[in-house]
Amino acid sequence: MATKALLVTLEAKPGQEEAVEEFLRSALPLVEAEPGTYPWFAVRFGSTTFGIIDAFPDEAARDTHLGGAVGQALRERSDELFASAPEVRAIDVLAEKL
């Protein structure tokens, strides 16, 4: 069961909406290589607001993910793609159905 999760909110810079969408789609293979990250969703909340929702079996898996390839890519491309720094919220999972 997933006990830990992340909710990441991303606000695209004007004109970068398609680039953000492609960036999120391209992250899927990176996440698929992380056995402790399941489920993982890249979402669009509105015209310029995107997000990532993912869950983990424990704190260690969540920490591994934060230090992994997707987190690194977010940090590297943040100034290029996003109007502000990604908002990363660590949350607890109370119940799940997968």
N, C-alpha and C. Protein backbone atom coordinates (compact mmCIF):
# COMPACT_ATOMS: atom_id res chain seq x y z
N MET A 1 0.83 -1.18 0.00
CA MET A 1 0.00 0.00 0.00
C MET A 1 0.88 1.25 0.00
N ALA A 2 0.44 2.25 -0.73
CA ALA A 2 1.12 3.54 -0.71
C ALA A 2 0.77 4.26 0.59
N THR A 3 1.79 4.80 1.25
CA THR A 3 1.57 5.55 2.47
C THR A 3 2.02 6.99 2.35
N LYS A 4 2.88 7.27 1.40
CA LYS A 4 3.43 8.61 1.19
C LYS A 4 3.18 9.02 -0.25
N ALA A 5 3.08 10.34 -0.47
CA ALA A 5 2.83 10.82 -1.83
C ALA A 5 3.41 12.22 -2.00
N LEU A 6 3.37 12.68 -3.24
CA LEU A 6 3.75 14.05 -3.58
C LEU A 6 2.67 14.66 -4.44
N LEU A 7 2.43 15.92 -4.23
CA LEU A 7 1.58 16.71 -5.11
C LEU A 7 2.43 17.89 -5.54
N VAL A 8 2.75 17.94 -6.83
CA VAL A 8 3.62 18.97 -7.38
C VAL A 8 2.78 19.84 -8.31
N THR A 9 2.82 21.14 -8.10
CA THR A 9 2.10 22.08 -8.96
C THR A 9 3.12 22.88 -9.76
N LEU A 10 2.85 22.98 -11.06
CA LEU A 10 3.76 23.65 -11.99
C LEU A 10 2.99 24.69 -12.78
N GLU A 11 3.47 25.91 -12.79
CA GLU A 11 2.84 26.99 -13.55
C GLU A 11 3.75 27.32 -14.74
N ALA A 12 3.25 27.06 -15.95
CA ALA A 12 4.04 27.28 -17.16
C ALA A 12 4.25 28.77 -17.42
N LYS A 13 5.42 29.10 -17.93
CA LYS A 13 5.65 30.46 -18.42
C LYS A 13 4.76 30.67 -19.63
N PRO A 14 4.37 31.91 -19.88
CA PRO A 14 3.57 32.19 -21.08
C PRO A 14 4.28 31.67 -22.34
N GLY A 15 3.53 30.93 -23.15
CA GLY A 15 4.08 30.37 -24.38
C GLY A 15 4.81 29.06 -24.21
N GLN A 16 4.97 28.58 -22.98
CA GLN A 16 5.69 27.33 -22.72
C GLN A 16 4.77 26.17 -22.40
N GLU A 17 3.47 26.34 -22.56
CA GLU A 17 2.52 25.31 -22.17
C GLU A 17 2.76 23.98 -22.91
N GLU A 18 2.98 24.04 -24.20
CA GLU A 18 3.24 22.80 -24.95
C GLU A 18 4.56 22.16 -24.54
N ALA A 19 5.56 22.98 -24.26
CA ALA A 19 6.85 22.45 -23.82
C ALA A 19 6.72 21.76 -22.46
N VAL A 20 5.92 22.33 -21.56
CA VAL A 20 5.70 21.71 -20.25
C VAL A 20 4.97 20.38 -20.43
N GLU A 21 3.96 20.36 -21.28
CA GLU A 21 3.23 19.12 -21.53
C GLU A 21 4.18 18.05 -22.08
N GLU A 22 5.02 18.40 -23.02
CA GLU A 22 5.96 17.44 -23.59
C GLU A 22 6.98 17.00 -22.54
N PHE A 23 7.44 17.93 -21.72
CA PHE A 23 8.37 17.59 -20.65
C PHE A 23 7.76 16.54 -19.72
N LEU A 24 6.51 16.74 -19.34
CA LEU A 24 5.86 15.78 -18.44
C LEU A 24 5.68 14.42 -19.11
N ARG A 25 5.28 14.43 -20.37
CA ARG A 25 5.15 13.14 -21.09
C ARG A 25 6.49 12.42 -21.18
N SER A 26 7.56 13.18 -21.39
CA SER A 26 8.88 12.57 -21.55
C SER A 26 9.43 12.03 -20.23
N ALA A 27 8.84 12.44 -19.11
CA ALA A 27 9.30 11.96 -17.80
C ALA A 27 8.83 10.54 -17.50
N LEU A 28 7.81 10.07 -18.20
CA LEU A 28 7.25 8.75 -17.90
C LEU A 28 8.29 7.63 -17.92
N PRO A 29 9.15 7.52 -18.94
CA PRO A 29 10.14 6.43 -18.90
C PRO A 29 11.10 6.53 -17.72
N LEU A 30 11.40 7.74 -17.29
CA LEU A 30 12.28 7.90 -16.12
C LEU A 30 11.61 7.35 -14.87
N VAL A 31 10.32 7.63 -14.72
CA VAL A 31 9.58 7.16 -13.55
C VAL A 31 9.36 5.65 -13.62
N GLU A 32 9.15 5.13 -14.82
CA GLU A 32 8.96 3.68 -14.96
C GLU A 32 10.17 2.90 -14.47
N ALA A 33 11.34 3.53 -14.47
CA ALA A 33 12.56 2.87 -14.00
C ALA A 33 12.70 2.92 -12.48
N GLU A 34 11.77 3.55 -11.79
CA GLU A 34 11.80 3.65 -10.33
C GLU A 34 10.80 2.66 -9.72
N PRO A 35 11.27 1.55 -9.19
CA PRO A 35 10.34 0.55 -8.67
C PRO A 35 9.52 1.02 -7.48
N GLY A 36 9.97 2.04 -6.76
CA GLY A 36 9.24 2.51 -5.59
C GLY A 36 8.24 3.61 -5.88
N THR A 37 8.10 3.99 -7.16
CA THR A 37 7.16 5.05 -7.53
C THR A 37 5.99 4.44 -8.27
N TYR A 38 4.86 4.34 -7.59
CA TYR A 38 3.65 3.81 -8.21
C TYR A 38 2.46 4.19 -7.35
N PRO A 39 1.49 4.83 -7.86
CA PRO A 39 1.28 5.31 -9.22
C PRO A 39 1.96 6.65 -9.45
N TRP A 40 1.98 7.08 -10.69
CA TRP A 40 2.53 8.38 -11.09
C TRP A 40 1.61 8.96 -12.15
N PHE A 41 1.21 10.20 -11.96
CA PHE A 41 0.33 10.87 -12.91
C PHE A 41 0.90 12.24 -13.25
N ALA A 42 0.95 12.57 -14.52
CA ALA A 42 1.21 13.94 -14.98
C ALA A 42 -0.14 14.48 -15.40
N VAL A 43 -0.52 15.66 -14.88
CA VAL A 43 -1.87 16.17 -15.09
C VAL A 43 -1.83 17.64 -15.52
N ARG A 44 -2.95 18.06 -16.06
CA ARG A 44 -3.13 19.46 -16.42
C ARG A 44 -4.37 19.96 -15.68
N PHE A 45 -4.17 20.99 -14.85
CA PHE A 45 -5.27 21.55 -14.06
C PHE A 45 -6.01 22.66 -14.81
N GLY A 46 -5.31 23.34 -15.71
CA GLY A 46 -5.89 24.45 -16.44
C GLY A 46 -5.00 24.80 -17.61
N SER A 47 -5.22 25.95 -18.21
CA SER A 47 -4.49 26.30 -19.43
C SER A 47 -2.98 26.43 -19.20
N THR A 48 -2.56 26.89 -18.02
CA THR A 48 -1.13 27.06 -17.75
C THR A 48 -0.65 26.31 -16.52
N THR A 49 -1.56 25.62 -15.84
CA THR A 49 -1.21 24.95 -14.58
C THR A 49 -1.20 23.43 -14.77
N PHE A 50 -0.07 22.84 -14.42
CA PHE A 50 0.16 21.41 -14.58
C PHE A 50 0.52 20.82 -13.22
N GLY A 51 0.61 19.51 -13.17
CA GLY A 51 1.00 18.90 -11.91
C GLY A 51 1.49 17.48 -12.07
N ILE A 52 2.04 17.00 -10.99
CA ILE A 52 2.47 15.61 -10.87
C ILE A 52 1.89 15.10 -9.55
N ILE A 53 1.28 13.94 -9.62
CA ILE A 53 0.77 13.27 -8.43
C ILE A 53 1.37 11.88 -8.44
N ASP A 54 2.09 11.55 -7.39
CA ASP A 54 2.69 10.22 -7.33
C ASP A 54 2.69 9.71 -5.90
N ALA A 55 2.80 8.40 -5.78
CA ALA A 55 2.71 7.78 -4.45
C ALA A 55 3.81 6.73 -4.29
N PHE A 56 4.07 6.41 -3.01
CA PHE A 56 5.21 5.58 -2.65
C PHE A 56 4.84 4.70 -1.46
N PRO A 57 5.51 3.56 -1.32
CA PRO A 57 5.20 2.69 -0.18
C PRO A 57 5.71 3.24 1.15
N ASP A 58 6.72 4.12 1.09
CA ASP A 58 7.30 4.63 2.33
C ASP A 58 8.09 5.91 2.06
N GLU A 59 8.57 6.50 3.12
CA GLU A 59 9.34 7.75 3.05
C GLU A 59 10.63 7.58 2.25
N ALA A 60 11.28 6.44 2.38
CA ALA A 60 12.54 6.21 1.67
C ALA A 60 12.33 6.23 0.16
N ALA A 61 11.27 5.60 -0.31
CA ALA A 61 10.99 5.60 -1.75
C ALA A 61 10.66 7.01 -2.24
N ARG A 62 9.94 7.77 -1.43
CA ARG A 62 9.63 9.16 -1.80
C ARG A 62 10.91 9.98 -1.88
N ASP A 63 11.80 9.83 -0.92
CA ASP A 63 13.07 10.55 -0.93
C ASP A 63 13.92 10.16 -2.13
N THR A 64 13.93 8.87 -2.45
CA THR A 64 14.68 8.41 -3.62
C THR A 64 14.15 9.06 -4.88
N HIS A 65 12.83 9.13 -5.01
CA HIS A 65 12.23 9.75 -6.18
C HIS A 65 12.59 11.24 -6.26
N LEU A 66 12.51 11.94 -5.15
CA LEU A 66 12.83 13.37 -5.15
C LEU A 66 14.26 13.64 -5.60
N GLY A 67 15.16 12.73 -5.29
CA GLY A 67 16.55 12.88 -5.70
C GLY A 67 16.86 12.24 -7.04
N GLY A 68 15.84 11.70 -7.69
CA GLY A 68 16.04 10.95 -8.93
C GLY A 68 16.01 11.82 -10.18
N ALA A 69 15.87 11.15 -11.31
CA ALA A 69 15.99 11.78 -12.62
C ALA A 69 14.92 12.83 -12.88
N VAL A 70 13.69 12.59 -12.47
CA VAL A 70 12.62 13.56 -12.74
C VAL A 70 12.84 14.82 -11.90
N GLY A 71 13.18 14.65 -10.64
CA GLY A 71 13.47 15.81 -9.79
C GLY A 71 14.64 16.62 -10.34
N GLN A 72 15.65 15.94 -10.80
CA GLN A 72 16.81 16.62 -11.38
C GLN A 72 16.41 17.38 -12.65
N ALA A 73 15.61 16.74 -13.50
CA ALA A 73 15.16 17.40 -14.73
C ALA A 73 14.30 18.62 -14.41
N LEU A 74 13.44 18.53 -13.39
CA LEU A 74 12.64 19.68 -12.98
C LEU A 74 13.52 20.84 -12.54
N ARG A 75 14.54 20.53 -11.77
CA ARG A 75 15.45 21.58 -11.30
C ARG A 75 16.20 22.20 -12.47
N GLU A 76 16.66 21.38 -13.41
CA GLU A 76 17.46 21.87 -14.53
C GLU A 76 16.65 22.74 -15.49
N ARG A 77 15.37 22.44 -15.67
CA ARG A 77 14.55 23.15 -16.66
C ARG A 77 13.57 24.14 -16.05
N SER A 78 13.63 24.31 -14.74
CA SER A 78 12.68 25.16 -14.04
C SER A 78 12.68 26.59 -14.58
N ASP A 79 13.84 27.21 -14.72
CA ASP A 79 13.90 28.60 -15.19
C ASP A 79 13.38 28.74 -16.61
N GLU A 80 13.60 27.73 -17.42
CA GLU A 80 13.16 27.75 -18.82
C GLU A 80 11.65 27.60 -18.96
N LEU A 81 11.05 26.70 -18.20
CA LEU A 81 9.67 26.30 -18.42
C LEU A 81 8.64 26.94 -17.50
N PHE A 82 9.03 27.25 -16.27
CA PHE A 82 8.04 27.58 -15.26
C PHE A 82 8.10 29.04 -14.81
N ALA A 83 6.93 29.61 -14.57
CA ALA A 83 6.81 31.00 -14.14
C ALA A 83 7.30 31.18 -12.70
N SER A 84 7.26 30.12 -11.93
CA SER A 84 7.73 30.14 -10.54
C SER A 84 8.27 28.74 -10.23
N ALA A 85 8.96 28.64 -9.13
CA ALA A 85 9.51 27.34 -8.73
C ALA A 85 8.38 26.33 -8.54
N PRO A 86 8.60 25.08 -8.93
CA PRO A 86 7.58 24.06 -8.69
C PRO A 86 7.23 23.99 -7.20
N GLU A 87 5.94 23.88 -6.92
CA GLU A 87 5.47 23.74 -5.54
C GLU A 87 5.36 22.25 -5.24
N VAL A 88 6.21 21.76 -4.37
CA VAL A 88 6.26 20.33 -4.04
C VAL A 88 5.71 20.16 -2.63
N ARG A 89 4.61 19.41 -2.53
CA ARG A 89 4.00 19.14 -1.23
C ARG A 89 4.08 17.65 -0.93
N ALA A 90 4.71 17.31 0.19
CA ALA A 90 4.74 15.93 0.67
C ALA A 90 3.43 15.68 1.42
N ILE A 91 2.73 14.63 1.04
CA ILE A 91 1.44 14.33 1.65
C ILE A 91 1.39 12.87 2.07
N ASP A 92 0.47 12.56 2.96
CA ASP A 92 0.26 11.19 3.42
C ASP A 92 -0.96 10.61 2.74
N VAL A 93 -0.89 9.34 2.38
CA VAL A 93 -2.01 8.63 1.77
C VAL A 93 -2.82 7.99 2.90
N LEU A 94 -4.11 8.28 2.94
CA LEU A 94 -4.98 7.70 3.97
C LEU A 94 -5.66 6.43 3.50
N ALA A 95 -5.96 6.35 2.21
CA ALA A 95 -6.58 5.16 1.62
C ALA A 95 -6.29 5.17 0.13
N GLU A 96 -6.36 4.03 -0.49
CA GLU A 96 -6.08 3.93 -1.93
C GLU A 96 -6.92 2.87 -2.58
N LYS A 97 -7.12 3.03 -3.85
CA LYS A 97 -7.69 2.00 -4.70
C LYS A 97 -7.00 2.13 -6.05
N LEU A 98 -6.27 1.14 -6.43
CA LEU A 98 -5.52 1.16 -7.69
C LEU A 98 -6.12 0.21 -8.68
